mmCIF file of all heavy atoms, coordinates in Angstrom:
data_MODEL
# 
_entry.id   MODEL 
# 
loop_
_atom_site.group_PDB 
_atom_site.id 
_atom_site.type_symbol 
_atom_site.label_atom_id 
_atom_site.label_alt_id 
_atom_site.label_comp_id 
_atom_site.label_asym_id 
_atom_site.label_entity_id 
_atom_site.label_seq_id 
_atom_site.pdbx_PDB_ins_code 
_atom_site.Cartn_x 
_atom_site.Cartn_y 
_atom_site.Cartn_z 
_atom_site.occupancy 
_atom_site.B_iso_or_equiv 
_atom_site.pdbx_formal_charge 
_atom_site.auth_seq_id 
_atom_site.auth_comp_id 
_atom_site.auth_asym_id 
_atom_site.auth_atom_id 
_atom_site.pdbx_PDB_model_num 
ATOM 1   N N   . ILE A 1 1  ? -10.157 59.178 43.419 1.00 0.00 ? 1  ILE A N   1 
ATOM 2   C CA  . ILE A 1 1  ? -9.811  58.472 42.190 1.00 0.00 ? 1  ILE A CA  1 
ATOM 3   C C   . ILE A 1 1  ? -11.097 58.200 41.416 1.00 0.00 ? 1  ILE A C   1 
ATOM 4   O O   . ILE A 1 1  ? -12.192 58.377 41.947 1.00 0.00 ? 1  ILE A O   1 
ATOM 5   C CB  . ILE A 1 1  ? -9.046  57.154 42.463 1.00 0.00 ? 1  ILE A CB  1 
ATOM 6   C CG1 . ILE A 1 1  ? -9.858  56.190 43.331 1.00 0.00 ? 1  ILE A CG1 1 
ATOM 7   C CG2 . ILE A 1 1  ? -7.690  57.440 43.105 1.00 0.00 ? 1  ILE A CG2 1 
ATOM 8   C CD1 . ILE A 1 1  ? -9.195  54.842 43.602 1.00 0.00 ? 1  ILE A CD1 1 
ATOM 9   N N   . SER A 1 2  ? -10.968 57.771 40.183 1.00 0.00 ? 2  SER A N   1 
ATOM 10  C CA  . SER A 1 2  ? -12.149 57.543 39.355 1.00 0.00 ? 2  SER A CA  1 
ATOM 11  C C   . SER A 1 2  ? -12.859 56.244 39.726 1.00 0.00 ? 2  SER A C   1 
ATOM 12  O O   . SER A 1 2  ? -12.258 55.326 40.304 1.00 0.00 ? 2  SER A O   1 
ATOM 13  C CB  . SER A 1 2  ? -11.754 57.491 37.876 1.00 0.00 ? 2  SER A CB  1 
ATOM 14  O OG  . SER A 1 2  ? -11.066 56.285 37.582 1.00 0.00 ? 2  SER A OG  1 
ATOM 15  N N   . VAL A 1 3  ? -14.127 56.183 39.369 1.00 0.00 ? 3  VAL A N   1 
ATOM 16  C CA  . VAL A 1 3  ? -14.915 54.971 39.573 1.00 0.00 ? 3  VAL A CA  1 
ATOM 17  C C   . VAL A 1 3  ? -14.279 53.819 38.807 1.00 0.00 ? 3  VAL A C   1 
ATOM 18  O O   . VAL A 1 3  ? -14.208 52.684 39.313 1.00 0.00 ? 3  VAL A O   1 
ATOM 19  C CB  . VAL A 1 3  ? -16.382 55.195 39.141 1.00 0.00 ? 3  VAL A CB  1 
ATOM 20  C CG1 . VAL A 1 3  ? -17.147 53.886 39.057 1.00 0.00 ? 3  VAL A CG1 1 
ATOM 21  C CG2 . VAL A 1 3  ? -17.063 56.161 40.097 1.00 0.00 ? 3  VAL A CG2 1 
ATOM 22  N N   . ASN A 1 4  ? -13.793 54.083 37.599 1.00 0.00 ? 4  ASN A N   1 
ATOM 23  C CA  . ASN A 1 4  ? -13.141 53.030 36.811 1.00 0.00 ? 4  ASN A CA  1 
ATOM 24  C C   . ASN A 1 4  ? -11.920 52.480 37.529 1.00 0.00 ? 4  ASN A C   1 
ATOM 25  O O   . ASN A 1 4  ? -11.664 51.270 37.501 1.00 0.00 ? 4  ASN A O   1 
ATOM 26  C CB  . ASN A 1 4  ? -12.741 53.540 35.429 1.00 0.00 ? 4  ASN A CB  1 
ATOM 27  C CG  . ASN A 1 4  ? -13.917 53.685 34.499 1.00 0.00 ? 4  ASN A CG  1 
ATOM 28  O OD1 . ASN A 1 4  ? -14.975 53.097 34.725 1.00 0.00 ? 4  ASN A OD1 1 
ATOM 29  N ND2 . ASN A 1 4  ? -13.760 54.485 33.457 1.00 0.00 ? 4  ASN A ND2 1 
ATOM 30  N N   . ARG A 1 5  ? -11.156 53.354 38.168 1.00 0.00 ? 5  ARG A N   1 
ATOM 31  C CA  . ARG A 1 5  ? -9.965  52.915 38.898 1.00 0.00 ? 5  ARG A CA  1 
ATOM 32  C C   . ARG A 1 5  ? -10.369 52.065 40.105 1.00 0.00 ? 5  ARG A C   1 
ATOM 33  O O   . ARG A 1 5  ? -9.734  51.047 40.393 1.00 0.00 ? 5  ARG A O   1 
ATOM 34  C CB  . ARG A 1 5  ? -9.143  54.138 39.323 1.00 0.00 ? 5  ARG A CB  1 
ATOM 35  C CG  . ARG A 1 5  ? -7.882  53.838 40.111 1.00 0.00 ? 5  ARG A CG  1 
ATOM 36  C CD  . ARG A 1 5  ? -6.913  52.867 39.485 1.00 0.00 ? 5  ARG A CD  1 
ATOM 37  N NE  . ARG A 1 5  ? -6.488  53.209 38.157 1.00 0.00 ? 5  ARG A NE  1 
ATOM 38  C CZ  . ARG A 1 5  ? -5.792  52.389 37.359 1.00 0.00 ? 5  ARG A CZ  1 
ATOM 39  N NH1 . ARG A 1 5  ? -5.422  51.194 37.794 1.00 0.00 ? 5  ARG A NH1 1 
ATOM 40  N NH2 . ARG A 1 5  ? -5.458  52.745 36.159 1.00 0.00 ? 5  ARG A NH2 1 
ATOM 41  N N   . VAL A 1 6  ? -11.437 52.455 40.810 1.00 0.00 ? 6  VAL A N   1 
ATOM 42  C CA  . VAL A 1 6  ? -11.914 51.661 41.945 1.00 0.00 ? 6  VAL A CA  1 
ATOM 43  C C   . VAL A 1 6  ? -12.344 50.281 41.453 1.00 0.00 ? 6  VAL A C   1 
ATOM 44  O O   . VAL A 1 6  ? -12.008 49.263 42.066 1.00 0.00 ? 6  VAL A O   1 
ATOM 45  C CB  . VAL A 1 6  ? -13.080 52.348 42.688 1.00 0.00 ? 6  VAL A CB  1 
ATOM 46  C CG1 . VAL A 1 6  ? -13.662 51.423 43.757 1.00 0.00 ? 6  VAL A CG1 1 
ATOM 47  C CG2 . VAL A 1 6  ? -12.632 53.665 43.299 1.00 0.00 ? 6  VAL A CG2 1 
ATOM 48  N N   . ASN A 1 7  ? -13.063 50.235 40.344 1.00 0.00 ? 7  ASN A N   1 
ATOM 49  C CA  . ASN A 1 7  ? -13.488 48.950 39.785 1.00 0.00 ? 7  ASN A CA  1 
ATOM 50  C C   . ASN A 1 7  ? -12.294 48.079 39.418 1.00 0.00 ? 7  ASN A C   1 
ATOM 51  O O   . ASN A 1 7  ? -12.307 46.863 39.632 1.00 0.00 ? 7  ASN A O   1 
ATOM 52  C CB  . ASN A 1 7  ? -14.396 49.149 38.577 1.00 0.00 ? 7  ASN A CB  1 
ATOM 53  C CG  . ASN A 1 7  ? -15.810 49.498 38.981 1.00 0.00 ? 7  ASN A CG  1 
ATOM 54  O OD1 . ASN A 1 7  ? -16.319 49.008 39.976 1.00 0.00 ? 7  ASN A OD1 1 
ATOM 55  N ND2 . ASN A 1 7  ? -16.444 50.365 38.216 1.00 0.00 ? 7  ASN A ND2 1 
ATOM 56  N N   . HIS A 1 8  ? -11.247 48.703 38.890 1.00 0.00 ? 8  HIS A N   1 
ATOM 57  C CA  . HIS A 1 8  ? -10.019 47.975 38.552 1.00 0.00 ? 8  HIS A CA  1 
ATOM 58  C C   . HIS A 1 8  ? -9.401  47.372 39.819 1.00 0.00 ? 8  HIS A C   1 
ATOM 59  O O   . HIS A 1 8  ? -9.044  46.196 39.847 1.00 0.00 ? 8  HIS A O   1 
ATOM 60  C CB  . HIS A 1 8  ? -9.037  48.931 37.870 1.00 0.00 ? 8  HIS A CB  1 
ATOM 61  C CG  . HIS A 1 8  ? -7.702  48.333 37.598 1.00 0.00 ? 8  HIS A CG  1 
ATOM 62  N ND1 . HIS A 1 8  ? -7.467  47.473 36.553 1.00 0.00 ? 8  HIS A ND1 1 
ATOM 63  C CD2 . HIS A 1 8  ? -6.519  48.461 38.245 1.00 0.00 ? 8  HIS A CD2 1 
ATOM 64  C CE1 . HIS A 1 8  ? -6.202  47.108 36.573 1.00 0.00 ? 8  HIS A CE1 1 
ATOM 65  N NE2 . HIS A 1 8  ? -5.606  47.692 37.596 1.00 0.00 ? 8  HIS A NE2 1 
ATOM 66  N N   . HIS A 1 9  ? -9.282  48.182 40.871 1.00 0.00 ? 9  HIS A N   1 
ATOM 67  C CA  . HIS A 1 9  ? -8.728  47.687 42.137 1.00 0.00 ? 9  HIS A CA  1 
ATOM 68  C C   . HIS A 1 9  ? -9.612  46.581 42.719 1.00 0.00 ? 9  HIS A C   1 
ATOM 69  O O   . HIS A 1 9  ? -9.107  45.566 43.199 1.00 0.00 ? 9  HIS A O   1 
ATOM 70  C CB  . HIS A 1 9  ? -8.591  48.822 43.153 1.00 0.00 ? 9  HIS A CB  1 
ATOM 71  C CG  . HIS A 1 9  ? -7.513  49.799 42.824 1.00 0.00 ? 9  HIS A CG  1 
ATOM 72  N ND1 . HIS A 1 9  ? -6.215  49.437 42.529 1.00 0.00 ? 9  HIS A ND1 1 
ATOM 73  C CD2 . HIS A 1 9  ? -7.530  51.155 42.758 1.00 0.00 ? 9  HIS A CD2 1 
ATOM 74  C CE1 . HIS A 1 9  ? -5.486  50.521 42.289 1.00 0.00 ? 9  HIS A CE1 1 
ATOM 75  N NE2 . HIS A 1 9  ? -6.263  51.571 42.426 1.00 0.00 ? 9  HIS A NE2 1 
ATOM 76  N N   . ALA A 1 10 ? -10.927 46.777 42.681 1.00 0.00 ? 10 ALA A N   1 
ATOM 77  C CA  . ALA A 1 10 ? -11.860 45.789 43.230 1.00 0.00 ? 10 ALA A CA  1 
ATOM 78  C C   . ALA A 1 10 ? -11.709 44.451 42.501 1.00 0.00 ? 10 ALA A C   1 
ATOM 79  O O   . ALA A 1 10 ? -11.682 43.389 43.137 1.00 0.00 ? 10 ALA A O   1 
ATOM 80  C CB  . ALA A 1 10 ? -13.293 46.291 43.131 1.00 0.00 ? 10 ALA A CB  1 
ATOM 81  N N   . LYS A 1 11 ? -11.598 44.504 41.192 1.00 0.00 ? 11 LYS A N   1 
ATOM 82  C CA  . LYS A 1 11 ? -11.428 43.279 40.408 1.00 0.00 ? 11 LYS A CA  1 
ATOM 83  C C   . LYS A 1 11 ? -10.154 42.549 40.830 1.00 0.00 ? 11 LYS A C   1 
ATOM 84  O O   . LYS A 1 11 ? -10.155 41.331 41.001 1.00 0.00 ? 11 LYS A O   1 
ATOM 85  C CB  . LYS A 1 11 ? -11.378 43.651 38.919 1.00 0.00 ? 11 LYS A CB  1 
ATOM 86  C CG  . LYS A 1 11 ? -11.279 42.489 37.977 1.00 0.00 ? 11 LYS A CG  1 
ATOM 87  C CD  . LYS A 1 11 ? -11.325 42.988 36.541 1.00 0.00 ? 11 LYS A CD  1 
ATOM 88  C CE  . LYS A 1 11 ? -11.068 41.869 35.559 1.00 0.00 ? 11 LYS A CE  1 
ATOM 89  N NZ  . LYS A 1 11 ? -11.086 42.338 34.178 1.00 0.00 ? 11 LYS A NZ  1 
ATOM 90  N N   . ASN A 1 12 ? -9.075  43.305 41.022 1.00 0.00 ? 12 ASN A N   1 
ATOM 91  C CA  . ASN A 1 12 ? -7.817  42.697 41.463 1.00 0.00 ? 12 ASN A CA  1 
ATOM 92  C C   . ASN A 1 12 ? -7.943  42.089 42.858 1.00 0.00 ? 12 ASN A C   1 
ATOM 93  O O   . ASN A 1 12 ? -7.421  41.008 43.123 1.00 0.00 ? 12 ASN A O   1 
ATOM 94  C CB  . ASN A 1 12 ? -6.681  43.726 41.453 1.00 0.00 ? 12 ASN A CB  1 
ATOM 95  C CG  . ASN A 1 12 ? -6.227  44.065 40.060 1.00 0.00 ? 12 ASN A CG  1 
ATOM 96  O OD1 . ASN A 1 12 ? -6.449  43.317 39.113 1.00 0.00 ? 12 ASN A OD1 1 
ATOM 97  N ND2 . ASN A 1 12 ? -5.599  45.218 39.917 1.00 0.00 ? 12 ASN A ND2 1 
ATOM 98  N N   . ILE A 1 13 ? -8.634  42.788 43.754 1.00 0.00 ? 13 ILE A N   1 
ATOM 99  C CA  . ILE A 1 13 ? -8.829  42.299 45.121 1.00 0.00 ? 13 ILE A CA  1 
ATOM 100 C C   . ILE A 1 13 ? -9.604  40.987 45.100 1.00 0.00 ? 13 ILE A C   1 
ATOM 101 O O   . ILE A 1 13 ? -9.220  40.013 45.742 1.00 0.00 ? 13 ILE A O   1 
ATOM 102 C CB  . ILE A 1 13 ? -9.565  43.347 45.983 1.00 0.00 ? 13 ILE A CB  1 
ATOM 103 C CG1 . ILE A 1 13 ? -8.681  44.576 46.193 1.00 0.00 ? 13 ILE A CG1 1 
ATOM 104 C CG2 . ILE A 1 13 ? -9.993  42.750 47.313 1.00 0.00 ? 13 ILE A CG2 1 
ATOM 105 C CD1 . ILE A 1 13 ? -9.445  45.802 46.699 1.00 0.00 ? 13 ILE A CD1 1 
ATOM 106 N N   . TYR A 1 14 ? -10.696 40.951 44.365 1.00 0.00 ? 14 TYR A N   1 
ATOM 107 C CA  . TYR A 1 14 ? -11.524 39.742 44.284 1.00 0.00 ? 14 TYR A CA  1 
ATOM 108 C C   . TYR A 1 14 ? -10.705 38.579 43.741 1.00 0.00 ? 14 TYR A C   1 
ATOM 109 O O   . TYR A 1 14 ? -10.789 37.461 44.246 1.00 0.00 ? 14 TYR A O   1 
ATOM 110 C CB  . TYR A 1 14 ? -12.740 39.977 43.388 1.00 0.00 ? 14 TYR A CB  1 
ATOM 111 C CG  . TYR A 1 14 ? -13.897 40.690 44.046 1.00 0.00 ? 14 TYR A CG  1 
ATOM 112 C CD1 . TYR A 1 14 ? -13.722 41.860 44.768 1.00 0.00 ? 14 TYR A CD1 1 
ATOM 113 C CD2 . TYR A 1 14 ? -15.188 40.192 43.934 1.00 0.00 ? 14 TYR A CD2 1 
ATOM 114 C CE1 . TYR A 1 14 ? -14.785 42.509 45.361 1.00 0.00 ? 14 TYR A CE1 1 
ATOM 115 C CE2 . TYR A 1 14 ? -16.271 40.832 44.518 1.00 0.00 ? 14 TYR A CE2 1 
ATOM 116 C CZ  . TYR A 1 14 ? -16.050 41.993 45.232 1.00 0.00 ? 14 TYR A CZ  1 
ATOM 117 O OH  . TYR A 1 14 ? -17.114 42.632 45.820 1.00 0.00 ? 14 TYR A OH  1 
ATOM 118 N N   . ARG A 1 15 ? -9.900  38.855 42.716 1.00 0.00 ? 15 ARG A N   1 
ATOM 119 C CA  . ARG A 1 15 ? -9.079  37.802 42.115 1.00 0.00 ? 15 ARG A CA  1 
ATOM 120 C C   . ARG A 1 15 ? -8.020  37.316 43.108 1.00 0.00 ? 15 ARG A C   1 
ATOM 121 O O   . ARG A 1 15 ? -7.857  36.108 43.310 1.00 0.00 ? 15 ARG A O   1 
ATOM 122 C CB  . ARG A 1 15 ? -8.409  38.334 40.843 1.00 0.00 ? 15 ARG A CB  1 
ATOM 123 C CG  . ARG A 1 15 ? -7.513  37.323 40.145 1.00 0.00 ? 15 ARG A CG  1 
ATOM 124 C CD  . ARG A 1 15 ? -6.853  37.895 38.883 1.00 0.00 ? 15 ARG A CD  1 
ATOM 125 N NE  . ARG A 1 15 ? -6.218  39.186 39.082 1.00 0.00 ? 15 ARG A NE  1 
ATOM 126 C CZ  . ARG A 1 15 ? -5.015  39.378 39.640 1.00 0.00 ? 15 ARG A CZ  1 
ATOM 127 N NH1 . ARG A 1 15 ? -4.321  38.348 40.074 1.00 0.00 ? 15 ARG A NH1 1 
ATOM 128 N NH2 . ARG A 1 15 ? -4.514  40.591 39.761 1.00 0.00 ? 15 ARG A NH2 1 
ATOM 129 N N   . LYS A 1 16 ? -7.315  38.254 43.737 1.00 0.00 ? 16 LYS A N   1 
ATOM 130 C CA  . LYS A 1 16 ? -6.239  37.878 44.654 1.00 0.00 ? 16 LYS A CA  1 
ATOM 131 C C   . LYS A 1 16 ? -6.759  37.129 45.885 1.00 0.00 ? 16 LYS A C   1 
ATOM 132 O O   . LYS A 1 16 ? -6.074  36.248 46.398 1.00 0.00 ? 16 LYS A O   1 
ATOM 133 C CB  . LYS A 1 16 ? -5.466  39.125 45.104 1.00 0.00 ? 16 LYS A CB  1 
ATOM 134 C CG  . LYS A 1 16 ? -4.608  39.722 43.992 1.00 0.00 ? 16 LYS A CG  1 
ATOM 135 C CD  . LYS A 1 16 ? -3.908  40.986 44.468 1.00 0.00 ? 16 LYS A CD  1 
ATOM 136 C CE  . LYS A 1 16 ? -3.049  41.588 43.382 1.00 0.00 ? 16 LYS A CE  1 
ATOM 137 N NZ  . LYS A 1 16 ? -2.346  42.803 43.867 1.00 0.00 ? 16 LYS A NZ  1 
ATOM 138 N N   . LEU A 1 17 ? -7.934  37.480 46.352 1.00 0.00 ? 17 LEU A N   1 
ATOM 139 C CA  . LEU A 1 17 ? -8.488  36.815 47.532 1.00 0.00 ? 17 LEU A CA  1 
ATOM 140 C C   . LEU A 1 17 ? -9.412  35.651 47.173 1.00 0.00 ? 17 LEU A C   1 
ATOM 141 O O   . LEU A 1 17 ? -9.948  34.989 48.044 1.00 0.00 ? 17 LEU A O   1 
ATOM 142 C CB  . LEU A 1 17 ? -9.236  37.826 48.408 1.00 0.00 ? 17 LEU A CB  1 
ATOM 143 C CG  . LEU A 1 17 ? -8.384  38.945 48.996 1.00 0.00 ? 17 LEU A CG  1 
ATOM 144 C CD1 . LEU A 1 17 ? -9.216  39.844 49.891 1.00 0.00 ? 17 LEU A CD1 1 
ATOM 145 C CD2 . LEU A 1 17 ? -7.193  38.401 49.754 1.00 0.00 ? 17 LEU A CD2 1 
ATOM 146 N N   . ASN A 1 18 ? -9.605  35.448 45.876 1.00 0.00 ? 18 ASN A N   1 
ATOM 147 C CA  . ASN A 1 18 ? -10.438 34.348 45.372 1.00 0.00 ? 18 ASN A CA  1 
ATOM 148 C C   . ASN A 1 18 ? -11.845 34.392 45.977 1.00 0.00 ? 18 ASN A C   1 
ATOM 149 O O   . ASN A 1 18 ? -12.322 33.402 46.551 1.00 0.00 ? 18 ASN A O   1 
ATOM 150 C CB  . ASN A 1 18 ? -9.763  33.002 45.634 1.00 0.00 ? 18 ASN A CB  1 
ATOM 151 C CG  . ASN A 1 18 ? -10.421 31.875 44.868 1.00 0.00 ? 18 ASN A CG  1 
ATOM 152 O OD1 . ASN A 1 18 ? -10.990 32.099 43.803 1.00 0.00 ? 18 ASN A OD1 1 
ATOM 153 N ND2 . ASN A 1 18 ? -10.374 30.686 45.408 1.00 0.00 ? 18 ASN A ND2 1 
ATOM 154 N N   . VAL A 1 19 ? -12.489 35.548 45.848 1.00 0.00 ? 19 VAL A N   1 
ATOM 155 C CA  . VAL A 1 19 ? -13.873 35.707 46.300 1.00 0.00 ? 19 VAL A CA  1 
ATOM 156 C C   . VAL A 1 19 ? -14.714 36.225 45.145 1.00 0.00 ? 19 VAL A C   1 
ATOM 157 O O   . VAL A 1 19 ? -14.182 36.723 44.147 1.00 0.00 ? 19 VAL A O   1 
ATOM 158 C CB  . VAL A 1 19 ? -13.981 36.665 47.521 1.00 0.00 ? 19 VAL A CB  1 
ATOM 159 C CG1 . VAL A 1 19 ? -13.255 36.087 48.722 1.00 0.00 ? 19 VAL A CG1 1 
ATOM 160 C CG2 . VAL A 1 19 ? -13.462 38.053 47.188 1.00 0.00 ? 19 VAL A CG2 1 
ATOM 161 N N   . HIS A 1 20 ? -16.045 36.134 45.315 1.00 0.00 ? 20 HIS A N   1 
ATOM 162 C CA  . HIS A 1 20 ? -16.945 36.505 44.222 1.00 0.00 ? 20 HIS A CA  1 
ATOM 163 C C   . HIS A 1 20 ? -17.966 37.565 44.588 1.00 0.00 ? 20 HIS A C   1 
ATOM 164 O O   . HIS A 1 20 ? -18.705 38.024 43.726 1.00 0.00 ? 20 HIS A O   1 
ATOM 165 C CB  . HIS A 1 20 ? -17.650 35.251 43.699 1.00 0.00 ? 20 HIS A CB  1 
ATOM 166 C CG  . HIS A 1 20 ? -16.684 34.211 43.230 1.00 0.00 ? 20 HIS A CG  1 
ATOM 167 N ND1 . HIS A 1 20 ? -16.273 33.170 44.039 1.00 0.00 ? 20 HIS A ND1 1 
ATOM 168 C CD2 . HIS A 1 20 ? -15.997 34.089 42.073 1.00 0.00 ? 20 HIS A CD2 1 
ATOM 169 C CE1 . HIS A 1 20 ? -15.394 32.443 43.372 1.00 0.00 ? 20 HIS A CE1 1 
ATOM 170 N NE2 . HIS A 1 20 ? -15.206 32.968 42.181 1.00 0.00 ? 20 HIS A NE2 1 
ATOM 171 N N   . ASN A 1 21 ? -18.044 37.932 45.862 1.00 0.00 ? 21 ASN A N   1 
ATOM 172 C CA  . ASN A 1 21 ? -18.979 38.985 46.265 1.00 0.00 ? 21 ASN A CA  1 
ATOM 173 C C   . ASN A 1 21 ? -18.484 39.650 47.545 1.00 0.00 ? 21 ASN A C   1 
ATOM 174 O O   . ASN A 1 21 ? -17.517 39.199 48.158 1.00 0.00 ? 21 ASN A O   1 
ATOM 175 C CB  . ASN A 1 21 ? -20.399 38.423 46.435 1.00 0.00 ? 21 ASN A CB  1 
ATOM 176 C CG  . ASN A 1 21 ? -20.458 37.315 47.460 1.00 0.00 ? 21 ASN A CG  1 
ATOM 177 O OD1 . ASN A 1 21 ? -20.018 37.477 48.598 1.00 0.00 ? 21 ASN A OD1 1 
ATOM 178 N ND2 . ASN A 1 21 ? -21.015 36.172 47.076 1.00 0.00 ? 21 ASN A ND2 1 
ATOM 179 N N   . ARG A 1 22 ? -19.154 40.734 47.943 1.00 0.00 ? 22 ARG A N   1 
ATOM 180 C CA  . ARG A 1 22 ? -18.703 41.497 49.106 1.00 0.00 ? 22 ARG A CA  1 
ATOM 181 C C   . ARG A 1 22 ? -18.813 40.721 50.408 1.00 0.00 ? 22 ARG A C   1 
ATOM 182 O O   . ARG A 1 22 ? -18.006 40.917 51.310 1.00 0.00 ? 22 ARG A O   1 
ATOM 183 C CB  . ARG A 1 22 ? -19.495 42.805 49.227 1.00 0.00 ? 22 ARG A CB  1 
ATOM 184 C CG  . ARG A 1 22 ? -18.998 43.851 48.279 1.00 0.00 ? 22 ARG A CG  1 
ATOM 185 C CD  . ARG A 1 22 ? -19.551 45.197 48.680 1.00 0.00 ? 22 ARG A CD  1 
ATOM 186 N NE  . ARG A 1 22 ? -19.334 46.156 47.622 1.00 0.00 ? 22 ARG A NE  1 
ATOM 187 C CZ  . ARG A 1 22 ? -19.164 47.442 47.830 1.00 0.00 ? 22 ARG A CZ  1 
ATOM 188 N NH1 . ARG A 1 22 ? -19.211 47.931 49.042 1.00 0.00 ? 22 ARG A NH1 1 
ATOM 189 N NH2 . ARG A 1 22 ? -18.964 48.260 46.837 1.00 0.00 ? 22 ARG A NH2 1 
ATOM 190 N N   . SER A 1 23 ? -19.796 39.849 50.520 1.00 0.00 ? 23 SER A N   1 
ATOM 191 C CA  . SER A 1 23 ? -19.932 39.055 51.738 1.00 0.00 ? 23 SER A CA  1 
ATOM 192 C C   . SER A 1 23 ? -18.717 38.150 51.928 1.00 0.00 ? 23 SER A C   1 
ATOM 193 O O   . SER A 1 23 ? -18.138 38.092 53.018 1.00 0.00 ? 23 SER A O   1 
ATOM 194 C CB  . SER A 1 23 ? -21.199 38.203 51.701 1.00 0.00 ? 23 SER A CB  1 
ATOM 195 O OG  . SER A 1 23 ? -22.335 39.024 51.686 1.00 0.00 ? 23 SER A OG  1 
ATOM 196 N N   . GLU A 1 24 ? -18.348 37.450 50.865 1.00 0.00 ? 24 GLU A N   1 
ATOM 197 C CA  . GLU A 1 24 ? -17.161 36.595 50.925 1.00 0.00 ? 24 GLU A CA  1 
ATOM 198 C C   . GLU A 1 24 ? -15.926 37.439 51.191 1.00 0.00 ? 24 GLU A C   1 
ATOM 199 O O   . GLU A 1 24 ? -15.045 37.048 51.969 1.00 0.00 ? 24 GLU A O   1 
ATOM 200 C CB  . GLU A 1 24 ? -16.957 35.859 49.601 1.00 0.00 ? 24 GLU A CB  1 
ATOM 201 C CG  . GLU A 1 24 ? -17.910 34.743 49.319 1.00 0.00 ? 24 GLU A CG  1 
ATOM 202 C CD  . GLU A 1 24 ? -17.602 34.097 47.972 1.00 0.00 ? 24 GLU A CD  1 
ATOM 203 O OE1 . GLU A 1 24 ? -16.415 33.890 47.637 1.00 0.00 ? 24 GLU A OE1 1 
ATOM 204 O OE2 . GLU A 1 24 ? -18.563 33.809 47.248 1.00 0.00 ? 24 GLU A OE2 1 
ATOM 205 N N   . LEU A 1 25 ? -15.860 38.585 50.540 1.00 0.00 ? 25 LEU A N   1 
ATOM 206 C CA  . LEU A 1 25 ? -14.718 39.483 50.699 1.00 0.00 ? 25 LEU A CA  1 
ATOM 207 C C   . LEU A 1 25 ? -14.563 39.911 52.146 1.00 0.00 ? 25 LEU A C   1 
ATOM 208 O O   . LEU A 1 25 ? -13.480 39.819 52.722 1.00 0.00 ? 25 LEU A O   1 
ATOM 209 C CB  . LEU A 1 25 ? -14.904 40.713 49.797 1.00 0.00 ? 25 LEU A CB  1 
ATOM 210 C CG  . LEU A 1 25 ? -13.812 41.765 49.843 1.00 0.00 ? 25 LEU A CG  1 
ATOM 211 C CD1 . LEU A 1 25 ? -12.505 41.209 49.312 1.00 0.00 ? 25 LEU A CD1 1 
ATOM 212 C CD2 . LEU A 1 25 ? -14.237 42.985 49.043 1.00 0.00 ? 25 LEU A CD2 1 
ATOM 213 N N   . ALA A 1 26 ? -15.639 40.359 52.757 1.00 0.00 ? 26 ALA A N   1 
ATOM 214 C CA  . ALA A 1 26 ? -15.587 40.823 54.138 1.00 0.00 ? 26 ALA A CA  1 
ATOM 215 C C   . ALA A 1 26 ? -15.219 39.685 55.083 1.00 0.00 ? 26 ALA A C   1 
ATOM 216 O O   . ALA A 1 26 ? -14.383 39.861 55.982 1.00 0.00 ? 26 ALA A O   1 
ATOM 217 C CB  . ALA A 1 26 ? -16.934 41.420 54.536 1.00 0.00 ? 26 ALA A CB  1 
ATOM 218 N N   . ARG A 1 27 ? -15.807 38.526 54.868 1.00 0.00 ? 27 ARG A N   1 
ATOM 219 C CA  . ARG A 1 27 ? -15.531 37.373 55.733 1.00 0.00 ? 27 ARG A CA  1 
ATOM 220 C C   . ARG A 1 27 ? -14.065 36.963 55.648 1.00 0.00 ? 27 ARG A C   1 
ATOM 221 O O   . ARG A 1 27 ? -13.391 36.767 56.658 1.00 0.00 ? 27 ARG A O   1 
ATOM 222 C CB  . ARG A 1 27 ? -16.450 36.216 55.328 1.00 0.00 ? 27 ARG A CB  1 
ATOM 223 C CG  . ARG A 1 27 ? -16.845 35.310 56.424 1.00 0.00 ? 27 ARG A CG  1 
ATOM 224 C CD  . ARG A 1 27 ? -17.919 34.285 56.070 1.00 0.00 ? 27 ARG A CD  1 
ATOM 225 N NE  . ARG A 1 27 ? -18.131 33.970 54.670 1.00 0.00 ? 27 ARG A NE  1 
ATOM 226 C CZ  . ARG A 1 27 ? -19.179 34.378 53.958 1.00 0.00 ? 27 ARG A CZ  1 
ATOM 227 N NH1 . ARG A 1 27 ? -20.108 35.138 54.496 1.00 0.00 ? 27 ARG A NH1 1 
ATOM 228 N NH2 . ARG A 1 27 ? -19.311 34.040 52.694 1.00 0.00 ? 27 ARG A NH2 1 
# 
């Protein structure tokens, strides 16, 4: 998929999990 699509998914993931960076996301 495109980089733009990955960024779109990542933004949704961060919002849904209420995190602000990859460390918080992984934890």
